[in-house]
Protein backbone atom coordinates (compact mmCIF):
# COMPACT_ATOMS: atom_id res chain seq x y z
CA MET A 1 1.30 -24.89 4.29
CA GLN A 2 2.36 -21.28 4.73
CA ASN A 3 4.66 -20.52 7.63
CA LYS A 4 3.20 -18.35 10.38
CA LEU A 5 5.76 -16.08 12.01
CA ASN A 6 6.74 -16.28 15.66
CA GLU A 7 7.55 -13.34 17.91
CA GLY A 8 11.15 -12.15 17.99
CA PRO A 9 13.74 -10.05 16.15
CA LEU A 10 13.23 -9.70 12.41
CA LEU A 11 16.93 -10.16 11.58
CA ASP A 12 19.61 -12.56 12.78
CA ALA A 13 23.19 -11.61 13.69
CA ASN A 14 24.20 -11.70 10.00
CA GLY A 15 21.45 -9.32 8.88
CA ASN A 16 19.32 -12.01 7.23
CA LEU A 17 15.70 -12.71 8.08
CA SER A 18 15.46 -14.81 11.23
CA GLU A 19 12.29 -16.37 9.83
CA CYS A 20 10.26 -16.08 6.62
CA GLY A 21 6.48 -16.14 6.55
CA TYR A 22 3.35 -14.23 7.45
CA SER A 23 1.37 -13.17 10.50
CA THR A 24 -1.84 -11.28 11.21
CA GLU A 25 0.03 -8.86 13.46
CA ALA A 26 3.54 -7.39 13.36
CA VAL A 27 5.15 -9.97 15.63
CA LYS A 28 8.70 -9.38 14.37
CA THR A 29 10.75 -6.47 15.72
CA TYR A 30 12.31 -4.26 13.07
CA ASP A 31 15.60 -2.58 14.04
CA ARG A 32 17.37 -0.48 11.42
CA LYS A 33 20.63 -0.86 13.36
CA ALA A 34 20.53 -4.64 12.85
CA ILE A 35 20.79 -4.28 9.06
CA LYS A 36 24.15 -5.43 7.65
CA ALA A 37 23.67 -4.35 4.04
CA GLY A 38 24.90 -1.08 2.53
CA ALA A 39 23.15 1.95 3.98
CA LEU A 40 21.98 3.19 0.55
CA ARG A 41 19.96 -0.01 -0.03
CA ILE A 42 17.59 0.52 2.93
CA LYS A 43 14.04 1.51 1.98
CA GLU A 44 11.31 2.57 4.42
CA TRP A 45 7.86 4.02 3.76
CA ASP A 46 4.39 4.72 5.10
CA TYR A 47 1.56 4.96 2.55
CA TYR A 48 -2.08 5.75 3.34
CA LEU A 49 -5.16 5.59 1.16
CA VAL A 50 -8.39 7.24 2.33
CA SER A 51 -11.51 6.77 0.20
CA ASN A 52 -15.25 7.40 0.43
CA GLY A 53 -16.16 5.71 -2.86
CA LYS A 54 -16.39 8.98 -4.78
CA PHE A 55 -13.03 10.53 -3.97
CA ALA A 56 -9.72 9.27 -2.61
CA VAL A 57 -6.54 10.75 -1.19
CA CYS A 58 -3.18 8.92 -1.23
CA LEU A 59 -0.39 10.14 1.04
CA THR A 60 3.20 8.85 1.17
CA ILE A 61 6.32 9.58 3.18
CA ASP A 62 9.34 7.45 2.37
CA ASP A 63 13.08 7.27 2.85
CA ASN A 64 14.93 5.31 0.18
CA SER A 65 18.31 6.31 1.67
CA TYR A 66 19.69 7.84 -1.52
CA MET A 67 16.55 10.02 -1.63
CA SER A 68 13.46 10.85 0.39
CA LEU A 69 10.00 11.52 -0.96
CA ALA A 70 6.64 12.89 0.11
CA SER A 71 3.69 12.53 -2.23
CA VAL A 72 0.02 13.54 -2.41
CA SER A 73 -2.61 12.24 -4.83
CA PHE A 74 -6.24 13.32 -5.16
CA LEU A 75 -8.59 11.15 -7.21
CA ASP A 76 -12.09 11.98 -8.45
CA PHE A 77 -13.78 8.74 -9.53
CA GLU A 78 -16.83 10.42 -11.04
CA LYS A 79 -14.69 12.61 -13.32
CA ARG A 80 -12.08 9.83 -13.73
CA SER A 81 -9.34 12.33 -13.00
CA TYR A 82 -6.40 12.64 -10.63
CA VAL A 83 -3.58 14.93 -9.59
CA THR A 84 -0.33 13.62 -8.07
CA LYS A 85 2.46 15.84 -6.80
CA SER A 86 5.69 14.81 -5.06
CA ARG A 87 8.74 16.36 -3.47
CA MET A 88 12.14 14.65 -3.30
CA HIS A 89 15.42 15.36 -1.54
CA ALA A 90 18.76 13.59 -2.00
CA PHE A 91 20.65 11.33 0.42
CA SER A 92 18.24 11.20 3.34
CA CYS A 93 19.88 7.99 4.68
CA GLY A 94 17.35 7.46 7.46
CA LYS A 95 17.09 11.12 8.50
CA VAL A 96 13.36 11.18 7.75
CA GLY A 97 12.93 9.08 10.89
CA LEU A 98 10.16 6.67 9.96
CA PRO A 99 9.10 4.75 13.11
CA PRO A 100 10.28 1.14 13.57
CA ASP A 101 6.77 0.02 14.63
CA TYR A 102 3.54 0.79 12.78
CA ARG A 103 1.58 1.00 16.03
CA SER A 104 3.03 4.25 17.33
CA GLY A 105 5.24 7.19 16.45
CA ARG A 106 5.29 10.29 14.33
CA VAL A 107 6.98 11.21 11.06
CA SER A 108 6.93 14.53 9.22
CA TYR A 109 8.18 15.95 5.94
CA SER A 110 8.41 19.65 5.22
CA ASP A 111 9.93 22.08 2.74
CA LYS A 112 8.80 25.32 1.09
CA ILE A 113 6.14 23.48 -0.96
CA ILE A 114 4.91 20.55 1.12
CA ASP A 115 4.18 20.04 4.79
CA GLY A 116 2.95 16.67 6.00
CA SER A 117 2.86 14.42 9.04
CA PHE A 118 1.60 11.03 10.16
CA SER A 119 1.12 10.13 13.82
CA ALA A 120 -0.13 6.97 15.52
CA ASP A 121 -0.94 6.28 19.15
CA SER A 122 -3.36 4.01 21.03
CA GLY A 123 -5.12 2.74 17.91
CA LYS A 124 -5.73 6.18 16.40
CA ARG A 125 -3.93 7.91 13.56
CA ASN A 126 -3.79 11.49 12.35
CA LEU A 127 -2.76 12.44 8.83
CA ARG A 128 -2.12 16.07 7.92
CA PHE A 129 -0.77 17.37 4.61
CA SER A 130 -0.60 20.59 2.64
CA TYR A 131 0.86 21.29 -0.81
CA LYS A 132 1.21 24.72 -2.43
CA LYS A 133 -0.24 25.18 -5.94
CA PHE A 134 -1.17 21.53 -6.00
CA ASP A 135 -3.04 21.62 -9.30
CA GLY A 136 -0.88 24.39 -10.73
CA LYS A 137 -3.05 27.10 -9.21
CA ASP A 138 -4.75 26.18 -5.93
CA ASP A 139 -3.26 24.93 -2.68
CA PHE A 140 -4.15 21.52 -1.25
CA GLU A 141 -4.70 20.59 2.36
CA CYS A 142 -6.14 17.58 4.15
CA GLU A 143 -6.65 16.32 7.65
CA PHE A 144 -7.86 12.84 8.54
CA GLU A 145 -8.42 10.87 11.71
CA LEU A 146 -8.29 7.08 11.40
CA PHE A 147 -9.68 4.79 14.10
CA ASP A 148 -11.54 1.53 14.72
CA GLU A 149 -8.54 -0.54 13.61
CA PRO A 150 -9.30 -4.18 12.73
CA ARG A 151 -8.13 -7.07 14.85
CA ASP A 152 -6.19 -8.67 11.98
CA LYS A 153 -3.70 -7.29 9.47
CA ILE A 154 -1.29 -9.02 7.09
CA ALA A 155 2.43 -8.88 7.79
CA ILE A 156 4.97 -10.69 5.63
CA ALA A 157 8.72 -11.24 5.96
CA THR A 158 10.07 -11.94 2.47
CA PRO A 159 13.67 -12.69 1.46
CA PHE A 160 15.24 -11.85 -1.90
CA ASP A 161 17.72 -14.02 -3.80
CA LYS A 162 20.65 -12.11 -2.33
CA ARG A 163 22.06 -12.24 1.18
CA ARG A 164 20.92 -9.55 3.62
CA ARG A 165 18.12 -8.45 1.32
CA PHE A 166 14.57 -8.60 2.70
CA TYR A 167 11.18 -6.93 2.80
CA TYR A 168 9.09 -6.62 5.96
CA ASN A 169 5.64 -5.28 5.22
CA LEU A 170 2.34 -4.79 7.02
CA LYS A 171 -0.94 -3.92 5.34
CA MET A 172 -3.94 -2.82 7.41
CA ASN A 173 -7.26 -2.44 5.60
CA CYS A 174 -10.63 -1.07 6.61
CA MET A 175 -9.83 1.52 9.26
CA THR A 176 -12.69 3.96 9.72
CA ALA A 177 -11.78 7.46 8.55
CA ARG A 178 -13.17 10.96 8.94
CA GLY A 179 -11.85 14.34 7.88
CA TYR A 180 -11.61 16.49 4.79
CA CYS A 181 -9.47 17.55 1.89
CA LYS A 182 -9.49 20.97 0.27
CA ILE A 183 -8.23 22.27 -3.07
CA GLY A 184 -8.56 26.02 -3.24
CA ASP A 185 -12.09 26.85 -2.10
CA ARG A 186 -13.40 23.34 -2.83
CA LYS A 187 -13.79 21.29 0.33
CA ILE A 188 -14.66 17.57 0.31
CA VAL A 189 -15.81 16.00 3.57
CA PHE A 190 -15.03 12.35 4.31
CA SER A 191 -17.63 11.13 6.80
CA GLU A 192 -17.04 8.11 9.02
CA GLU A 193 -20.21 6.48 7.68
CA SER A 194 -18.71 6.06 4.20
CA SER A 195 -14.93 6.48 4.50
CA LEU A 196 -12.29 3.79 5.01
CA ALA A 197 -8.49 3.84 5.07
CA THR A 198 -5.62 1.46 4.32
CA LEU A 199 -2.03 1.55 5.57
CA ASP A 200 0.93 0.12 3.64
CA TRP A 201 3.89 0.04 6.05
CA GLY A 202 7.16 -1.15 4.48
CA ARG A 203 10.70 -1.60 5.79
CA GLY A 204 13.52 -3.48 4.10
CA VAL A 205 16.64 -3.83 2.02
CA TRP A 206 15.63 -4.27 -1.60
CA THR A 207 17.48 -5.58 -4.61
CA TYR A 208 18.24 -3.12 -7.41
CA SER A 209 15.77 -4.42 -10.01
CA ASN A 210 12.33 -5.75 -9.13
CA GLU A 211 8.70 -5.94 -10.15
CA TRP A 212 5.45 -6.42 -8.26
CA TYR A 213 1.69 -6.68 -8.52
CA TRP A 214 -0.51 -5.42 -5.70
CA SER A 215 -4.26 -5.00 -5.25
CA SER A 216 -6.29 -3.70 -2.34
CA LEU A 217 -9.98 -3.34 -1.63
CA GLN A 218 -11.90 -1.95 1.33
CA CYS A 219 -15.66 -1.57 1.40
CA LEU A 220 -18.88 -2.33 3.25
CA ILE A 221 -21.01 -5.39 2.45
CA ASP A 222 -24.41 -5.09 4.11
CA GLY A 223 -22.84 -2.79 6.68
CA VAL A 224 -19.91 -5.14 7.48
CA LYS A 225 -16.34 -4.16 6.63
CA PHE A 226 -14.76 -6.29 3.91
CA GLY A 227 -11.43 -6.02 2.17
CA PHE A 228 -8.60 -7.91 0.57
CA ASN A 229 -4.87 -7.60 0.04
CA LEU A 230 -3.40 -9.41 -2.96
CA GLY A 231 0.16 -9.31 -4.24
CA TYR A 232 3.11 -11.15 -5.73
CA GLY A 233 6.16 -10.75 -7.95
CA PHE A 234 8.89 -9.62 -5.55
CA GLY A 235 11.24 -11.84 -3.56
CA ASP A 236 10.85 -15.48 -2.56
CA THR A 237 7.27 -16.02 -1.36
CA SER A 238 7.54 -19.81 -1.04
CA ALA A 239 7.19 -19.56 2.77
CA ALA A 240 4.06 -17.39 2.58
CA THR A 241 2.12 -14.97 0.41
CA GLU A 242 0.51 -11.68 1.38
CA ASN A 243 -2.85 -12.75 -0.08
CA VAL A 244 -5.71 -12.46 2.40
CA LEU A 245 -9.40 -11.62 2.77
CA PHE A 246 -10.61 -9.46 5.65
CA TYR A 247 -14.18 -9.77 6.91
CA ASP A 248 -15.40 -7.96 10.01
CA GLY A 249 -11.79 -7.49 11.12
CA VAL A 250 -10.79 -11.17 10.76
CA ALA A 251 -8.20 -12.46 8.27
CA HIS A 252 -8.93 -15.40 5.94
CA LYS A 253 -5.67 -16.50 4.32
CA LEU A 254 -5.32 -17.23 0.61
CA ASN A 255 -2.54 -19.01 -1.27
CA ASN A 256 -1.39 -17.70 -4.69
CA VAL A 257 -3.14 -15.28 -7.04
CA VAL A 258 -2.66 -14.13 -10.63
CA PHE A 259 -3.54 -10.78 -12.21
CA ASN A 260 -4.69 -11.17 -15.80
CA ILE A 261 -4.00 -7.82 -17.46
CA PRO A 262 -4.93 -7.57 -21.16
CA SER A 263 -2.15 -6.95 -23.66
CA ASN A 264 -2.20 -3.79 -25.73
CA GLU A 265 -2.70 -3.86 -29.48
CA ASN A 266 0.95 -4.43 -30.40
CA GLY A 267 1.36 -7.16 -27.79
CA ARG A 268 4.42 -5.49 -26.28
CA GLY A 269 2.82 -4.26 -23.08
CA PHE A 270 -0.38 -4.05 -21.10
CA ASP A 271 -3.62 -2.20 -21.76
CA TYR A 272 -4.14 -1.12 -18.17
CA LEU A 273 -7.53 0.52 -18.82
CA ALA A 274 -9.09 -2.61 -20.35
CA PRO A 275 -10.97 -4.99 -17.99
CA TRP A 276 -8.80 -7.32 -15.86
CA THR A 277 -9.51 -10.52 -13.99
CA ILE A 278 -7.89 -11.68 -10.74
CA ALA A 279 -8.16 -15.21 -9.35
CA ASP A 280 -6.50 -17.45 -6.78
CA ASP A 281 -5.35 -21.06 -7.22
CA GLU A 282 -7.88 -22.65 -4.83
CA GLY A 283 -11.16 -21.31 -6.20
CA ARG A 284 -11.72 -18.90 -3.31
CA LEU A 285 -11.43 -15.61 -5.19
CA THR A 286 -12.78 -14.80 -8.64
CA MET A 287 -12.80 -11.11 -9.43
CA SER A 288 -13.42 -8.88 -12.43
CA PHE A 289 -11.88 -5.41 -12.41
CA LYS A 290 -13.10 -2.52 -14.56
CA PRO A 291 -10.52 0.30 -14.51
CA LEU A 292 -11.52 3.94 -14.11
CA ILE A 293 -8.20 5.74 -13.57
CA ASP A 294 -4.60 4.76 -14.31
CA ARG A 295 -2.49 6.70 -11.82
CA TYR A 296 0.64 6.42 -13.92
CA ASP A 297 4.15 7.60 -13.12
CA ASN A 298 7.28 6.90 -15.13
CA ALA A 299 10.42 8.40 -13.60
CA ASN A 300 13.77 7.75 -15.27
CA ALA A 301 17.03 9.23 -14.04
CA LEU A 302 19.87 7.27 -15.66
CA VAL A 303 20.47 4.22 -13.43
CA ILE A 304 17.30 4.80 -11.38
CA SER A 305 13.81 4.34 -12.79
CA SER A 306 10.26 3.65 -11.63
CA ASN A 307 7.40 2.67 -13.92
CA GLN A 308 4.18 2.58 -11.90
CA HIS A 309 0.59 1.90 -12.91
CA GLN A 310 -1.72 2.14 -9.90
CA VAL A 311 -5.10 1.53 -11.51
CA PHE A 312 -8.27 2.42 -9.62
CA GLY A 313 -11.50 0.79 -10.66
CA VAL A 314 -14.53 -1.31 -9.81
CA PHE A 315 -14.36 -4.88 -8.48
CA SER A 316 -17.11 -7.47 -8.81
CA GLY A 317 -17.05 -11.19 -8.12
CA GLU A 318 -17.12 -13.75 -5.34
CA VAL A 319 -14.89 -14.78 -2.46
CA LYS A 320 -15.04 -17.68 0.01
CA LEU A 321 -14.09 -17.32 3.67
CA ASP A 322 -12.26 -20.01 5.63
CA ASP A 323 -15.53 -21.71 6.62
CA GLY A 324 -16.76 -21.78 3.02
CA THR A 325 -19.12 -18.83 3.34
CA ALA A 326 -19.46 -17.13 -0.05
CA LEU A 327 -19.59 -13.34 -0.31
CA LYS A 328 -20.68 -11.44 -3.41
CA ILE A 329 -18.71 -8.33 -4.31
CA SER A 330 -20.62 -5.90 -6.52
CA ASP A 331 -19.18 -2.68 -7.97
CA LYS A 332 -16.79 -1.82 -5.13
CA ILE A 333 -13.95 0.65 -5.80
CA GLY A 334 -10.37 -0.42 -5.09
CA PHE A 335 -7.10 -0.59 -7.00
CA ALA A 336 -4.68 -2.98 -8.66
CA GLU A 337 -1.16 -1.99 -9.61
CA HIS A 338 1.86 -3.15 -11.59
CA VAL A 339 5.23 -1.62 -10.78
CA ARG A 340 8.73 -2.05 -12.23
CA ASN A 341 11.61 -0.43 -10.39
CA ARG A 342 15.34 -0.06 -10.80
CA TRP A 343 16.21 1.60 -7.49
């Protein structure tokens, strides 16, 4: 049995998690002032993905205490191409001001190159970003409105194997999106009939070295919103996993999953662009994944490094809801990633 979280403060008086587990809403209250670990270990971020099945935009604002970051990615699935650009500044230490609750608030990030903001209020969200000479020549801009939020999300409170280290995370799939992005004179419209959005909201105190696997899908099946959130690898998830199916706004909880990524020819790493499989341990999710784009980033600055493979591709397979209803997934675009950090 996985532990379902109760309402209350996220941390106890010693700065440890008051309770470990999951919920389908953010029932725990996050308070940065309640953290007892070193200030440079606190990590907070908001990440959004907006996709219409042909194109996608990823937007991030984060504050890792020793540095802040804002990032924009544009993906073209037909051309199998992408552009990612980021801006970083040292020793932000909470000055970015990411909200303590995903449901409301505003955060912005601006310098001479990038200007971006996220705002949330009353179940609606507005995302606005611009980036000068995004592809080396043309400027980028986007504006999205997200609405029709689902009833259920997945929140997880996960401890690490060190005192006062934790991760509190909420993922919300399948918001309806509308808006546009523009690169130079090229404008791409995201209509609400075909566009969906996901939020990854993270707050915590992480250990120095860690690794994770994460996959997310959002799509329409016969006009009904369907998605999943799958992940593992970081912290102690014995109390609960973040693995869940979403169908018509309702969560259907899964247990453990495994990502089967093919090895490369020398057997010393992964061939991320070869076909994967993903399955759970109870026979409720069996998925094939055919990669299209490996959004790869490998940053290494002495004692700090981040090796990220966020692979976008096509999912096909079958899932079973809590009542045993089987759903067929056929050629739906999502992503699966593998990340190693020393941060």
